[in-house]
N, C-alpha and C. Protein backbone atom coordinates (compact mmCIF):
# COMPACT_ATOMS: atom_id res chain seq x y z
N MET A 1 0.84 -1.18 0.00
CA MET A 1 0.00 0.00 0.00
C MET A 1 0.89 1.24 0.00
N TYR A 2 0.51 2.22 -0.79
CA TYR A 2 1.27 3.45 -0.90
C TYR A 2 0.44 4.62 -0.37
N ASN A 3 1.06 5.43 0.48
CA ASN A 3 0.37 6.59 1.04
C ASN A 3 0.44 7.79 0.12
N ASP A 4 1.52 7.88 -0.63
CA ASP A 4 1.66 9.00 -1.55
C ASP A 4 2.62 8.61 -2.68
N LEU A 5 2.65 9.45 -3.69
CA LEU A 5 3.51 9.17 -4.84
C LEU A 5 4.98 9.20 -4.47
N LYS A 6 5.36 10.04 -3.52
CA LYS A 6 6.76 10.12 -3.11
C LYS A 6 7.26 8.76 -2.64
N GLN A 7 6.46 8.06 -1.88
CA GLN A 7 6.82 6.73 -1.41
C GLN A 7 6.95 5.76 -2.59
N LEU A 8 6.05 5.89 -3.56
CA LEU A 8 6.11 5.04 -4.75
C LEU A 8 7.40 5.30 -5.54
N TYR A 9 7.74 6.58 -5.73
CA TYR A 9 8.98 6.91 -6.45
C TYR A 9 10.19 6.29 -5.77
N GLU A 10 10.23 6.39 -4.45
CA GLU A 10 11.36 5.83 -3.70
C GLU A 10 11.44 4.32 -3.87
N ASN A 11 10.30 3.64 -3.79
CA ASN A 11 10.29 2.18 -3.94
C ASN A 11 10.71 1.74 -5.34
N LEU A 12 10.41 2.55 -6.33
CA LEU A 12 10.77 2.21 -7.71
C LEU A 12 12.13 2.76 -8.11
N ASN A 13 12.77 3.47 -7.21
CA ASN A 13 14.07 4.07 -7.44
C ASN A 13 14.02 5.09 -8.59
N LEU A 14 12.93 5.81 -8.67
CA LEU A 14 12.79 6.86 -9.68
C LEU A 14 13.13 8.19 -9.02
N LYS A 15 14.09 8.90 -9.62
CA LYS A 15 14.56 10.16 -9.05
C LYS A 15 14.62 11.21 -10.15
N GLU A 16 14.69 12.45 -9.73
CA GLU A 16 14.75 13.53 -10.71
C GLU A 16 16.02 13.48 -11.55
N ASN A 17 17.06 12.88 -11.03
CA ASN A 17 18.30 12.80 -11.81
C ASN A 17 18.36 11.58 -12.73
N ASN A 18 17.31 10.71 -12.70
CA ASN A 18 17.31 9.58 -13.62
C ASN A 18 16.06 9.50 -14.50
N GLY A 19 15.31 10.59 -14.58
CA GLY A 19 14.19 10.64 -15.52
C GLY A 19 12.85 11.00 -14.92
N LEU A 20 12.75 11.08 -13.60
CA LEU A 20 11.49 11.47 -12.97
C LEU A 20 11.30 12.98 -13.15
N VAL A 21 10.15 13.38 -13.65
CA VAL A 21 9.84 14.80 -13.86
C VAL A 21 8.65 15.13 -12.97
N LEU A 22 8.90 15.92 -11.93
CA LEU A 22 7.84 16.36 -11.03
C LEU A 22 7.24 17.63 -11.62
N LEU A 23 5.98 17.59 -11.93
CA LEU A 23 5.32 18.71 -12.61
C LEU A 23 4.70 19.63 -11.58
N LYS A 24 5.48 20.63 -11.22
CA LYS A 24 5.06 21.59 -10.19
C LYS A 24 4.46 22.81 -10.88
N ASP A 25 4.58 23.97 -10.24
CA ASP A 25 3.99 25.20 -10.77
C ASP A 25 4.51 25.56 -12.16
N ASN A 26 5.81 25.46 -12.34
CA ASN A 26 6.45 25.87 -13.59
C ASN A 26 6.78 24.64 -14.44
N TRP A 27 5.82 23.76 -14.61
CA TRP A 27 6.11 22.48 -15.21
C TRP A 27 6.36 22.54 -16.71
N GLU A 28 5.87 23.57 -17.38
CA GLU A 28 6.12 23.68 -18.82
C GLU A 28 7.62 23.83 -19.10
N ASN A 29 8.29 24.65 -18.30
CA ASN A 29 9.74 24.80 -18.45
C ASN A 29 10.46 23.51 -18.08
N GLU A 30 9.92 22.80 -17.11
CA GLU A 30 10.50 21.51 -16.70
C GLU A 30 10.45 20.53 -17.88
N LEU A 31 9.36 20.51 -18.61
CA LEU A 31 9.22 19.60 -19.75
C LEU A 31 10.17 19.97 -20.88
N LYS A 32 10.42 21.27 -21.06
CA LYS A 32 11.31 21.71 -22.14
C LYS A 32 12.74 21.24 -21.93
N LYS A 33 13.13 20.98 -20.68
CA LYS A 33 14.47 20.46 -20.40
C LYS A 33 14.69 19.09 -21.02
N TYR A 34 13.61 18.36 -21.23
CA TYR A 34 13.72 16.99 -21.73
C TYR A 34 13.58 16.89 -23.24
N ASN A 35 13.56 18.00 -23.91
CA ASN A 35 13.47 18.02 -25.37
C ASN A 35 12.25 17.30 -25.91
N PHE A 36 11.14 17.37 -25.16
CA PHE A 36 9.90 16.84 -25.69
C PHE A 36 9.46 17.72 -26.84
N SER A 37 8.76 17.12 -27.77
CA SER A 37 8.25 17.90 -28.90
C SER A 37 7.19 18.88 -28.42
N PHE A 38 6.96 19.89 -29.23
CA PHE A 38 5.93 20.88 -28.93
C PHE A 38 4.57 20.20 -28.77
N GLU A 39 4.30 19.24 -29.66
CA GLU A 39 3.04 18.49 -29.61
C GLU A 39 2.92 17.71 -28.30
N THR A 40 3.98 17.05 -27.88
CA THR A 40 3.96 16.28 -26.63
C THR A 40 3.70 17.19 -25.43
N ILE A 41 4.36 18.35 -25.40
CA ILE A 41 4.17 19.30 -24.30
C ILE A 41 2.72 19.78 -24.26
N ASN A 42 2.15 20.09 -25.43
CA ASN A 42 0.76 20.54 -25.48
C ASN A 42 -0.21 19.45 -25.03
N GLN A 43 0.06 18.22 -25.42
CA GLN A 43 -0.82 17.13 -25.00
C GLN A 43 -0.70 16.88 -23.50
N LEU A 44 0.51 16.99 -22.96
CA LEU A 44 0.68 16.81 -21.52
C LEU A 44 0.00 17.93 -20.73
N LYS A 45 -0.07 19.13 -21.32
CA LYS A 45 -0.81 20.24 -20.69
C LYS A 45 -2.28 19.87 -20.52
N ILE A 46 -2.82 19.18 -21.49
CA ILE A 46 -4.24 18.79 -21.46
C ILE A 46 -4.44 17.64 -20.47
N ILE A 47 -3.56 16.66 -20.50
CA ILE A 47 -3.70 15.48 -19.65
C ILE A 47 -3.44 15.80 -18.17
N LYS A 48 -2.48 16.69 -17.92
CA LYS A 48 -2.14 17.17 -16.58
C LYS A 48 -1.75 16.07 -15.58
N PRO A 49 -0.69 15.31 -15.88
CA PRO A 49 -0.24 14.34 -14.88
C PRO A 49 0.44 15.06 -13.72
N THR A 50 0.51 14.40 -12.58
CA THR A 50 1.22 14.94 -11.42
C THR A 50 2.72 14.89 -11.67
N SER A 51 3.15 13.82 -12.32
CA SER A 51 4.56 13.64 -12.65
C SER A 51 4.65 12.63 -13.79
N LEU A 52 5.87 12.44 -14.28
CA LEU A 52 6.08 11.44 -15.32
C LEU A 52 7.50 10.92 -15.23
N PHE A 53 7.70 9.76 -15.82
CA PHE A 53 9.05 9.21 -15.93
C PHE A 53 9.39 9.21 -17.41
N ALA A 54 10.50 9.88 -17.74
CA ALA A 54 10.94 9.99 -19.13
C ALA A 54 12.24 9.24 -19.32
N PHE A 55 12.37 8.59 -20.46
CA PHE A 55 13.59 7.90 -20.82
C PHE A 55 13.82 8.14 -22.30
N ASN A 56 15.01 8.60 -22.66
CA ASN A 56 15.33 8.96 -24.05
C ASN A 56 14.31 9.94 -24.61
N ASN A 57 13.95 10.93 -23.81
CA ASN A 57 13.02 12.00 -24.19
C ASN A 57 11.64 11.49 -24.59
N VAL A 58 11.23 10.38 -24.01
CA VAL A 58 9.89 9.84 -24.23
C VAL A 58 9.24 9.67 -22.86
N PRO A 59 8.03 10.19 -22.68
CA PRO A 59 7.34 10.01 -21.40
C PRO A 59 6.76 8.59 -21.30
N PHE A 60 7.49 7.69 -20.65
CA PHE A 60 7.09 6.28 -20.58
C PHE A 60 5.98 6.01 -19.57
N ILE A 61 6.00 6.72 -18.45
CA ILE A 61 5.00 6.49 -17.41
C ILE A 61 4.46 7.83 -16.95
N LEU A 62 3.14 7.93 -16.83
CA LEU A 62 2.50 9.11 -16.27
C LEU A 62 1.94 8.73 -14.90
N PHE A 63 2.10 9.64 -13.93
CA PHE A 63 1.59 9.42 -12.57
C PHE A 63 0.52 10.46 -12.27
N PHE A 64 -0.55 10.01 -11.63
CA PHE A 64 -1.65 10.90 -11.24
C PHE A 64 -1.94 10.68 -9.76
N ASP A 65 -2.11 11.78 -9.04
CA ASP A 65 -2.42 11.72 -7.61
C ASP A 65 -3.85 12.20 -7.38
N ASN A 66 -4.73 11.29 -7.02
CA ASN A 66 -6.15 11.59 -6.75
C ASN A 66 -6.80 12.44 -7.85
N PRO A 67 -6.83 11.95 -9.07
CA PRO A 67 -7.44 12.74 -10.15
C PRO A 67 -8.95 12.82 -9.97
N LYS A 68 -9.51 13.93 -10.45
CA LYS A 68 -10.96 14.14 -10.32
C LYS A 68 -11.75 13.36 -11.36
N ASN A 69 -11.28 13.34 -12.60
CA ASN A 69 -12.01 12.69 -13.67
C ASN A 69 -11.15 11.59 -14.30
N GLU A 70 -11.17 10.44 -13.67
CA GLU A 70 -10.30 9.34 -14.09
C GLU A 70 -10.65 8.83 -15.49
N LYS A 71 -11.91 8.75 -15.81
CA LYS A 71 -12.33 8.25 -17.14
C LYS A 71 -11.82 9.17 -18.26
N GLN A 72 -11.85 10.46 -18.01
CA GLN A 72 -11.34 11.41 -19.00
C GLN A 72 -9.83 11.22 -19.18
N ILE A 73 -9.12 10.99 -18.09
CA ILE A 73 -7.68 10.74 -18.17
C ILE A 73 -7.40 9.49 -18.99
N HIS A 74 -8.18 8.45 -18.79
CA HIS A 74 -7.99 7.21 -19.56
C HIS A 74 -8.08 7.50 -21.05
N TYR A 75 -9.12 8.21 -21.45
CA TYR A 75 -9.34 8.50 -22.86
C TYR A 75 -8.22 9.40 -23.41
N GLN A 76 -7.84 10.43 -22.66
CA GLN A 76 -6.79 11.35 -23.12
C GLN A 76 -5.45 10.65 -23.27
N VAL A 77 -5.12 9.80 -22.33
CA VAL A 77 -3.83 9.09 -22.40
C VAL A 77 -3.84 8.09 -23.56
N PHE A 78 -4.97 7.43 -23.78
CA PHE A 78 -5.07 6.50 -24.92
C PHE A 78 -4.87 7.25 -26.23
N CYS A 79 -5.47 8.41 -26.37
CA CYS A 79 -5.32 9.22 -27.59
C CYS A 79 -3.93 9.82 -27.71
N PHE A 80 -3.26 10.05 -26.59
CA PHE A 80 -1.88 10.56 -26.57
C PHE A 80 -0.97 9.58 -27.28
N ASP A 81 -1.15 8.28 -27.06
CA ASP A 81 -0.47 7.20 -27.79
C ASP A 81 1.05 7.25 -27.72
N LYS A 82 1.59 7.78 -26.63
CA LYS A 82 3.05 7.81 -26.47
C LYS A 82 3.48 7.13 -25.17
N THR A 83 2.59 7.06 -24.22
CA THR A 83 2.91 6.54 -22.89
C THR A 83 2.26 5.18 -22.70
N PRO A 84 3.06 4.13 -22.52
CA PRO A 84 2.47 2.79 -22.40
C PRO A 84 1.80 2.49 -21.06
N VAL A 85 2.17 3.20 -19.99
CA VAL A 85 1.67 2.87 -18.65
C VAL A 85 1.32 4.13 -17.88
N ILE A 86 0.22 4.06 -17.11
CA ILE A 86 -0.08 5.14 -16.18
C ILE A 86 -0.31 4.55 -14.79
N PHE A 87 0.08 5.30 -13.78
CA PHE A 87 -0.16 4.96 -12.38
C PHE A 87 -1.14 5.98 -11.83
N ILE A 88 -2.18 5.51 -11.16
CA ILE A 88 -3.12 6.41 -10.51
C ILE A 88 -3.19 6.05 -9.04
N LEU A 89 -2.82 7.01 -8.19
CA LEU A 89 -2.91 6.84 -6.75
C LEU A 89 -4.22 7.47 -6.29
N LYS A 90 -5.06 6.64 -5.70
CA LYS A 90 -6.36 7.12 -5.25
C LYS A 90 -6.71 6.42 -3.94
N GLU A 91 -6.93 7.24 -2.91
CA GLU A 91 -7.31 6.71 -1.60
C GLU A 91 -6.36 5.61 -1.12
N ASN A 92 -5.07 5.91 -1.14
CA ASN A 92 -4.02 4.99 -0.69
C ASN A 92 -3.94 3.68 -1.47
N GLU A 93 -4.52 3.66 -2.65
CA GLU A 93 -4.46 2.49 -3.50
C GLU A 93 -3.85 2.90 -4.84
N ILE A 94 -2.94 2.08 -5.32
CA ILE A 94 -2.31 2.38 -6.60
C ILE A 94 -2.92 1.49 -7.67
N LYS A 95 -3.32 2.09 -8.78
CA LYS A 95 -3.83 1.33 -9.91
C LYS A 95 -2.91 1.61 -11.10
N ILE A 96 -2.62 0.57 -11.82
CA ILE A 96 -1.74 0.68 -12.98
C ILE A 96 -2.54 0.26 -14.21
N TYR A 97 -2.40 1.05 -15.27
CA TYR A 97 -3.16 0.78 -16.49
C TYR A 97 -2.21 0.72 -17.69
N HIS A 98 -2.57 -0.17 -18.61
CA HIS A 98 -1.87 -0.28 -19.89
C HIS A 98 -2.50 0.76 -20.82
N ALA A 99 -1.77 1.81 -21.13
CA ALA A 99 -2.34 2.97 -21.81
C ALA A 99 -2.53 2.79 -23.32
N PHE A 100 -2.09 1.67 -23.87
CA PHE A 100 -2.31 1.43 -25.29
C PHE A 100 -3.52 0.52 -25.53
N LYS A 101 -4.21 0.14 -24.47
CA LYS A 101 -5.29 -0.82 -24.62
C LYS A 101 -6.56 -0.30 -23.97
N LEU A 102 -7.49 0.11 -24.79
CA LEU A 102 -8.79 0.58 -24.33
C LEU A 102 -9.75 -0.61 -24.38
N ILE A 103 -10.29 -0.99 -23.21
CA ILE A 103 -11.16 -2.18 -23.19
C ILE A 103 -12.63 -1.83 -23.32
N GLU A 104 -13.01 -0.70 -22.81
CA GLU A 104 -14.36 -0.20 -22.95
C GLU A 104 -14.25 1.27 -23.28
N LYS A 105 -15.36 1.86 -23.58
CA LYS A 105 -15.31 3.29 -23.88
C LYS A 105 -14.73 4.03 -22.68
N ASN A 106 -13.65 4.72 -22.90
CA ASN A 106 -12.98 5.54 -21.88
C ASN A 106 -12.45 4.75 -20.68
N GLU A 107 -12.06 3.51 -20.89
CA GLU A 107 -11.44 2.77 -19.79
C GLU A 107 -10.27 1.95 -20.31
N LEU A 108 -9.10 2.21 -19.73
CA LEU A 108 -7.89 1.48 -20.11
C LEU A 108 -7.85 0.11 -19.44
N GLN A 109 -7.04 -0.76 -20.00
CA GLN A 109 -6.86 -2.10 -19.44
C GLN A 109 -6.09 -2.01 -18.13
N ASN A 110 -6.68 -2.52 -17.07
CA ASN A 110 -6.03 -2.53 -15.76
C ASN A 110 -4.93 -3.59 -15.76
N ILE A 111 -3.79 -3.25 -15.20
CA ILE A 111 -2.72 -4.23 -14.99
C ILE A 111 -2.87 -4.69 -13.54
N ASP A 112 -3.43 -5.86 -13.38
CA ASP A 112 -3.70 -6.38 -12.04
C ASP A 112 -2.40 -6.93 -11.46
N ILE A 113 -1.87 -6.23 -10.47
CA ILE A 113 -0.56 -6.56 -9.93
C ILE A 113 -0.53 -6.23 -8.44
N LYS A 114 0.10 -7.08 -7.67
CA LYS A 114 0.19 -6.87 -6.22
C LYS A 114 1.26 -5.83 -5.90
N ASP A 115 1.15 -5.21 -4.73
CA ASP A 115 2.08 -4.14 -4.33
C ASP A 115 3.54 -4.59 -4.37
N ASP A 116 3.84 -5.80 -3.89
CA ASP A 116 5.23 -6.25 -3.89
C ASP A 116 5.76 -6.48 -5.30
N GLU A 117 4.86 -6.83 -6.22
CA GLU A 117 5.28 -7.06 -7.60
C GLU A 117 5.47 -5.74 -8.36
N ILE A 118 4.81 -4.68 -7.91
CA ILE A 118 4.99 -3.36 -8.54
C ILE A 118 6.46 -2.96 -8.48
N LYS A 119 7.04 -3.12 -7.32
CA LYS A 119 8.46 -2.75 -7.14
C LYS A 119 9.36 -3.59 -8.04
N ARG A 120 9.03 -4.86 -8.18
CA ARG A 120 9.86 -5.76 -8.99
C ARG A 120 9.70 -5.47 -10.48
N ARG A 121 8.50 -5.19 -10.94
CA ARG A 121 8.24 -5.01 -12.37
C ARG A 121 8.51 -3.60 -12.89
N PHE A 122 8.34 -2.58 -12.02
CA PHE A 122 8.39 -1.20 -12.49
C PHE A 122 9.52 -0.39 -11.86
N ASN A 123 10.55 -1.04 -11.36
CA ASN A 123 11.67 -0.25 -10.82
C ASN A 123 12.51 0.31 -11.97
N PHE A 124 13.33 1.27 -11.65
CA PHE A 124 14.13 1.98 -12.65
C PHE A 124 14.89 1.02 -13.57
N TRP A 125 15.53 0.02 -12.98
CA TRP A 125 16.38 -0.88 -13.78
C TRP A 125 15.55 -1.76 -14.72
N GLU A 126 14.40 -2.19 -14.27
CA GLU A 126 13.53 -3.01 -15.13
C GLU A 126 12.97 -2.17 -16.29
N ILE A 127 12.61 -0.93 -15.98
CA ILE A 127 12.05 -0.05 -17.02
C ILE A 127 13.11 0.25 -18.08
N THR A 128 14.30 0.67 -17.63
CA THR A 128 15.33 1.10 -18.58
C THR A 128 15.99 -0.07 -19.31
N SER A 129 15.94 -1.27 -18.74
CA SER A 129 16.52 -2.44 -19.42
C SER A 129 15.57 -3.01 -20.47
N GLY A 130 14.30 -2.63 -20.37
CA GLY A 130 13.31 -3.13 -21.32
C GLY A 130 12.53 -4.33 -20.81
N LYS A 131 12.89 -4.85 -19.66
CA LYS A 131 12.20 -6.03 -19.12
C LYS A 131 10.73 -5.74 -18.81
N THR A 132 10.46 -4.54 -18.30
CA THR A 132 9.07 -4.15 -18.00
C THR A 132 8.24 -4.18 -19.28
N TRP A 133 8.77 -3.63 -20.35
CA TRP A 133 8.02 -3.52 -21.60
C TRP A 133 7.85 -4.89 -22.26
N LYS A 134 8.84 -5.74 -22.10
CA LYS A 134 8.72 -7.11 -22.62
C LYS A 134 7.61 -7.85 -21.87
N TRP A 135 7.56 -7.67 -20.56
CA TRP A 135 6.52 -8.29 -19.74
C TRP A 135 5.13 -7.79 -20.15
N ILE A 136 5.00 -6.50 -20.36
CA ILE A 136 3.71 -5.93 -20.78
C ILE A 136 3.33 -6.44 -22.17
N GLU A 137 4.32 -6.54 -23.04
CA GLU A 137 4.05 -7.06 -24.39
C GLU A 137 3.54 -8.49 -24.31
N GLU A 138 4.16 -9.31 -23.48
CA GLU A 138 3.72 -10.70 -23.33
C GLU A 138 2.30 -10.77 -22.76
N LEU A 139 1.98 -9.86 -21.85
CA LEU A 139 0.64 -9.86 -21.24
C LEU A 139 -0.45 -9.41 -22.20
N PHE A 140 -0.19 -8.36 -22.97
CA PHE A 140 -1.26 -7.70 -23.70
C PHE A 140 -1.12 -7.69 -25.21
N LEU A 141 0.06 -7.57 -25.73
CA LEU A 141 0.19 -7.29 -27.16
C LEU A 141 0.20 -8.52 -28.05
N LYS A 142 0.26 -9.71 -27.46
CA LYS A 142 0.16 -10.90 -28.31
C LYS A 142 -1.26 -11.08 -28.82
N LYS A 143 -2.19 -10.50 -28.09
CA LYS A 143 -3.58 -10.51 -28.52
C LYS A 143 -3.75 -9.37 -29.51
N LYS A 144 -4.96 -9.23 -30.02
CA LYS A 144 -5.24 -8.14 -30.94
C LYS A 144 -4.93 -6.81 -30.27
N ASN A 145 -4.15 -6.02 -30.94
CA ASN A 145 -3.75 -4.73 -30.39
C ASN A 145 -4.88 -3.72 -30.55
N ASN A 146 -5.11 -2.93 -29.53
CA ASN A 146 -6.19 -1.95 -29.56
C ASN A 146 -5.68 -0.53 -29.44
N ARG A 147 -4.56 -0.24 -30.06
CA ARG A 147 -4.05 1.12 -30.04
C ARG A 147 -4.89 1.96 -30.98
N ILE A 148 -4.83 3.26 -30.79
CA ILE A 148 -5.67 4.17 -31.57
C ILE A 148 -5.37 4.07 -33.07
N ASP A 149 -4.11 3.87 -33.43
CA ASP A 149 -3.78 3.76 -34.85
C ASP A 149 -4.34 2.47 -35.45
N ASP A 150 -4.49 1.41 -34.62
CA ASP A 150 -5.11 0.18 -35.11
C ASP A 150 -6.58 0.40 -35.42
N TYR A 151 -7.27 1.17 -34.57
CA TYR A 151 -8.67 1.50 -34.82
C TYR A 151 -8.79 2.27 -36.14
N LEU A 152 -7.90 3.22 -36.35
CA LEU A 152 -7.94 4.02 -37.57
C LEU A 152 -7.75 3.13 -38.80
N LEU A 153 -6.77 2.24 -38.77
CA LEU A 153 -6.52 1.36 -39.92
C LEU A 153 -7.69 0.42 -40.17
N GLU A 154 -8.28 -0.11 -39.10
CA GLU A 154 -9.44 -0.98 -39.26
C GLU A 154 -10.61 -0.22 -39.90
N ASN A 155 -10.82 1.02 -39.47
CA ASN A 155 -11.90 1.82 -40.04
C ASN A 155 -11.65 2.15 -41.50
N ILE A 156 -10.40 2.41 -41.86
CA ILE A 156 -10.07 2.69 -43.26
C ILE A 156 -10.34 1.44 -44.12
N LYS A 157 -9.88 0.28 -43.64
CA LYS A 157 -10.13 -0.97 -44.38
C LYS A 157 -11.63 -1.22 -44.55
N TYR A 158 -12.36 -1.02 -43.48
CA TYR A 158 -13.81 -1.22 -43.54
C TYR A 158 -14.46 -0.28 -44.55
N SER A 159 -14.04 0.98 -44.54
CA SER A 159 -14.61 1.96 -45.47
C SER A 159 -14.31 1.59 -46.92
N ILE A 160 -13.09 1.18 -47.19
CA ILE A 160 -12.72 0.79 -48.56
C ILE A 160 -13.52 -0.43 -48.99
N ASN A 161 -13.64 -1.42 -48.10
CA ASN A 161 -14.42 -2.62 -48.44
C ASN A 161 -15.89 -2.30 -48.67
N THR A 162 -16.44 -1.38 -47.88
CA THR A 162 -17.84 -0.98 -48.06
C THR A 162 -18.04 -0.30 -49.40
N LEU A 163 -17.10 0.58 -49.77
CA LEU A 163 -17.19 1.24 -51.08
C LEU A 163 -17.09 0.22 -52.21
N GLU A 164 -16.19 -0.76 -52.04
CA GLU A 164 -16.05 -1.81 -53.05
C GLU A 164 -17.33 -2.64 -53.18
N ASP A 165 -17.91 -2.98 -52.02
CA ASP A 165 -19.15 -3.77 -52.02
C ASP A 165 -20.30 -3.03 -52.71
N ASN A 166 -20.22 -1.71 -52.72
CA ASN A 166 -21.26 -0.90 -53.37
C ASN A 166 -20.90 -0.56 -54.82
N GLY A 167 -19.93 -1.29 -55.39
CA GLY A 167 -19.65 -1.19 -56.81
C GLY A 167 -18.53 -0.26 -57.22
N LEU A 168 -17.82 0.34 -56.28
CA LEU A 168 -16.73 1.24 -56.63
C LEU A 168 -15.44 0.44 -56.81
N ASN A 169 -14.67 0.81 -57.81
CA ASN A 169 -13.37 0.18 -58.07
C ASN A 169 -12.45 0.39 -56.86
N LYS A 170 -11.66 -0.63 -56.52
CA LYS A 170 -10.79 -0.56 -55.33
C LYS A 170 -9.79 0.60 -55.44
N LYS A 171 -9.24 0.81 -56.60
CA LYS A 171 -8.28 1.90 -56.79
C LYS A 171 -8.93 3.26 -56.53
N ILE A 172 -10.14 3.44 -57.02
CA ILE A 172 -10.86 4.69 -56.81
C ILE A 172 -11.26 4.84 -55.34
N ALA A 173 -11.68 3.73 -54.71
CA ALA A 173 -12.05 3.76 -53.29
C ALA A 173 -10.85 4.18 -52.44
N ASN A 174 -9.67 3.63 -52.74
CA ASN A 174 -8.45 4.01 -52.01
C ASN A 174 -8.15 5.49 -52.15
N LYS A 175 -8.23 5.98 -53.40
CA LYS A 175 -7.95 7.40 -53.65
C LYS A 175 -8.96 8.30 -52.93
N LEU A 176 -10.22 7.91 -52.94
CA LEU A 176 -11.25 8.68 -52.28
C LEU A 176 -11.00 8.77 -50.76
N ILE A 177 -10.70 7.65 -50.15
CA ILE A 177 -10.42 7.62 -48.70
C ILE A 177 -9.18 8.45 -48.39
N LEU A 178 -8.13 8.31 -49.19
CA LEU A 178 -6.91 9.09 -48.96
C LEU A 178 -7.16 10.59 -49.07
N ARG A 179 -7.97 10.98 -50.04
CA ARG A 179 -8.30 12.41 -50.18
C ARG A 179 -9.10 12.92 -49.00
N LEU A 180 -10.03 12.09 -48.52
CA LEU A 180 -10.81 12.48 -47.34
C LEU A 180 -9.91 12.65 -46.10
N ILE A 181 -8.97 11.74 -45.93
CA ILE A 181 -8.05 11.83 -44.80
C ILE A 181 -7.19 13.08 -44.93
N PHE A 182 -6.67 13.33 -46.12
CA PHE A 182 -5.83 14.50 -46.34
C PHE A 182 -6.63 15.79 -46.12
N THR A 183 -7.85 15.83 -46.60
CA THR A 183 -8.71 17.01 -46.41
C THR A 183 -8.97 17.24 -44.94
N ARG A 184 -9.24 16.17 -44.20
CA ARG A 184 -9.46 16.27 -42.74
C ARG A 184 -8.20 16.78 -42.04
N TYR A 185 -7.07 16.31 -42.49
CA TYR A 185 -5.79 16.76 -41.93
C TYR A 185 -5.62 18.28 -42.15
N LEU A 186 -5.92 18.75 -43.36
CA LEU A 186 -5.81 20.18 -43.66
C LEU A 186 -6.78 21.01 -42.81
N ILE A 187 -7.98 20.50 -42.63
CA ILE A 187 -8.96 21.21 -41.79
C ILE A 187 -8.48 21.28 -40.35
N ASP A 188 -8.00 20.15 -39.82
CA ASP A 188 -7.52 20.12 -38.43
C ASP A 188 -6.30 21.01 -38.23
N ARG A 189 -5.49 21.08 -39.24
CA ARG A 189 -4.25 21.87 -39.14
C ARG A 189 -4.54 23.36 -39.13
N GLY A 190 -5.65 23.73 -39.73
CA GLY A 190 -6.06 25.14 -39.72
C GLY A 190 -5.64 25.85 -40.90
């Protein structure tokens, strides 16, 4: 059982000098030290984690301390598509979620793990050696992957097949879908 995130950081051997980023009042400047992209910084502003663990300028783990809207965080982190794991401390209980796997609308896949195993699986050395990610891959990614880009590709395939079933040539259907995606990109870009 963890009383606060500070205790969790200590147990996992995560420190500010090895990749832990404590997001305090001036956290935007703190993020710029890690050479995160402008897009990553903007997305983290929206998600608002309490802290994060970064390795090779990638935010691998996001930490949240008693968040108000947990379901919204699940959806935002899933759409962020850069952080594989999130920790949420709520009422002295730590919950860990696989951030690339959405199991229901706005709910990430829970990583069911005991407190003593958290230290073994998510300590600094396991994370940076890749053993943590290999373990997560064995648990979740051998099955059908549910990352946001997989949903997009499935929807594109479905749309092309539907157009084909309605008598449109496959080559024309592909071009039509690509133009729609490009047009949407231009609209979103402004």
